């Protein structure tokens, strides 16, 4: 699976959320941590 596009949307208040196909994959607001890149890749692959 290849990434077709990516869009970075600026925000404020410490928000850092990763979404794929409209589904929330990771939220720093919920976890208090930045995502681990490997876990993001695994989550996106599971969406197939």
Protein backbone atom coordinates (compact mmCIF):
# COMPACT_ATOMS: atom_id res chain seq x y z
CA UNK A 1 0.00 0.00 0.00
CA UNK A 2 1.34 3.40 -0.95
CA UNK A 3 0.44 6.75 0.53
CA UNK A 4 -1.49 8.73 -2.07
CA UNK A 5 -1.42 12.05 -0.28
CA UNK A 6 -0.89 13.66 3.08
CA UNK A 7 -2.15 16.95 4.47
CA UNK A 8 -0.79 18.81 7.50
CA UNK A 9 -3.40 20.98 9.18
CA UNK A 10 -2.08 23.50 11.72
CA UNK A 11 -3.88 23.73 15.05
CA UNK A 12 -3.32 25.02 18.55
CA UNK A 13 -3.63 23.85 22.11
CA UNK A 14 -1.26 20.89 21.85
CA UNK A 15 -3.43 18.98 19.39
CA UNK A 16 -1.62 16.39 17.29
CA UNK A 17 -4.04 14.00 15.68
CA UNK A 18 -3.44 11.46 12.95
CA UNK A 19 -6.37 10.46 10.75
CA UNK A 20 -6.53 8.07 7.82
CA UNK A 21 -9.59 7.75 5.59
CA UNK A 22 -11.48 9.91 8.09
CA UNK A 23 -10.72 7.57 11.00
CA UNK A 24 -8.81 8.84 14.04
CA UNK A 25 -5.63 6.78 14.38
CA UNK A 26 -3.94 8.71 17.20
CA UNK A 27 -4.76 11.71 19.37
CA UNK A 28 -2.10 13.41 21.50
CA UNK A 29 -4.93 15.18 23.31
CA UNK A 30 -6.25 11.78 24.45
CA UNK A 31 -2.93 10.02 25.16
CA UNK A 32 -0.68 12.94 26.14
CA UNK A 33 2.04 11.52 23.86
CA UNK A 34 3.19 11.85 20.28
CA UNK A 35 2.53 8.71 18.25
CA UNK A 36 5.10 6.05 17.58
CA UNK A 37 5.66 6.01 13.79
CA UNK A 38 5.55 2.19 13.64
CA UNK A 39 2.16 2.08 15.37
CA UNK A 40 0.79 4.62 12.89
CA UNK A 41 1.99 2.52 9.95
CA UNK A 42 0.41 -0.61 11.46
CA UNK A 43 -2.90 1.20 12.08
CA UNK A 44 -3.06 2.51 8.52
CA UNK A 45 -2.31 -0.93 7.11
CA UNK A 46 -5.16 -2.43 9.16
CA UNK A 47 -7.60 -0.03 7.47
CA UNK A 48 -7.22 -1.88 4.16
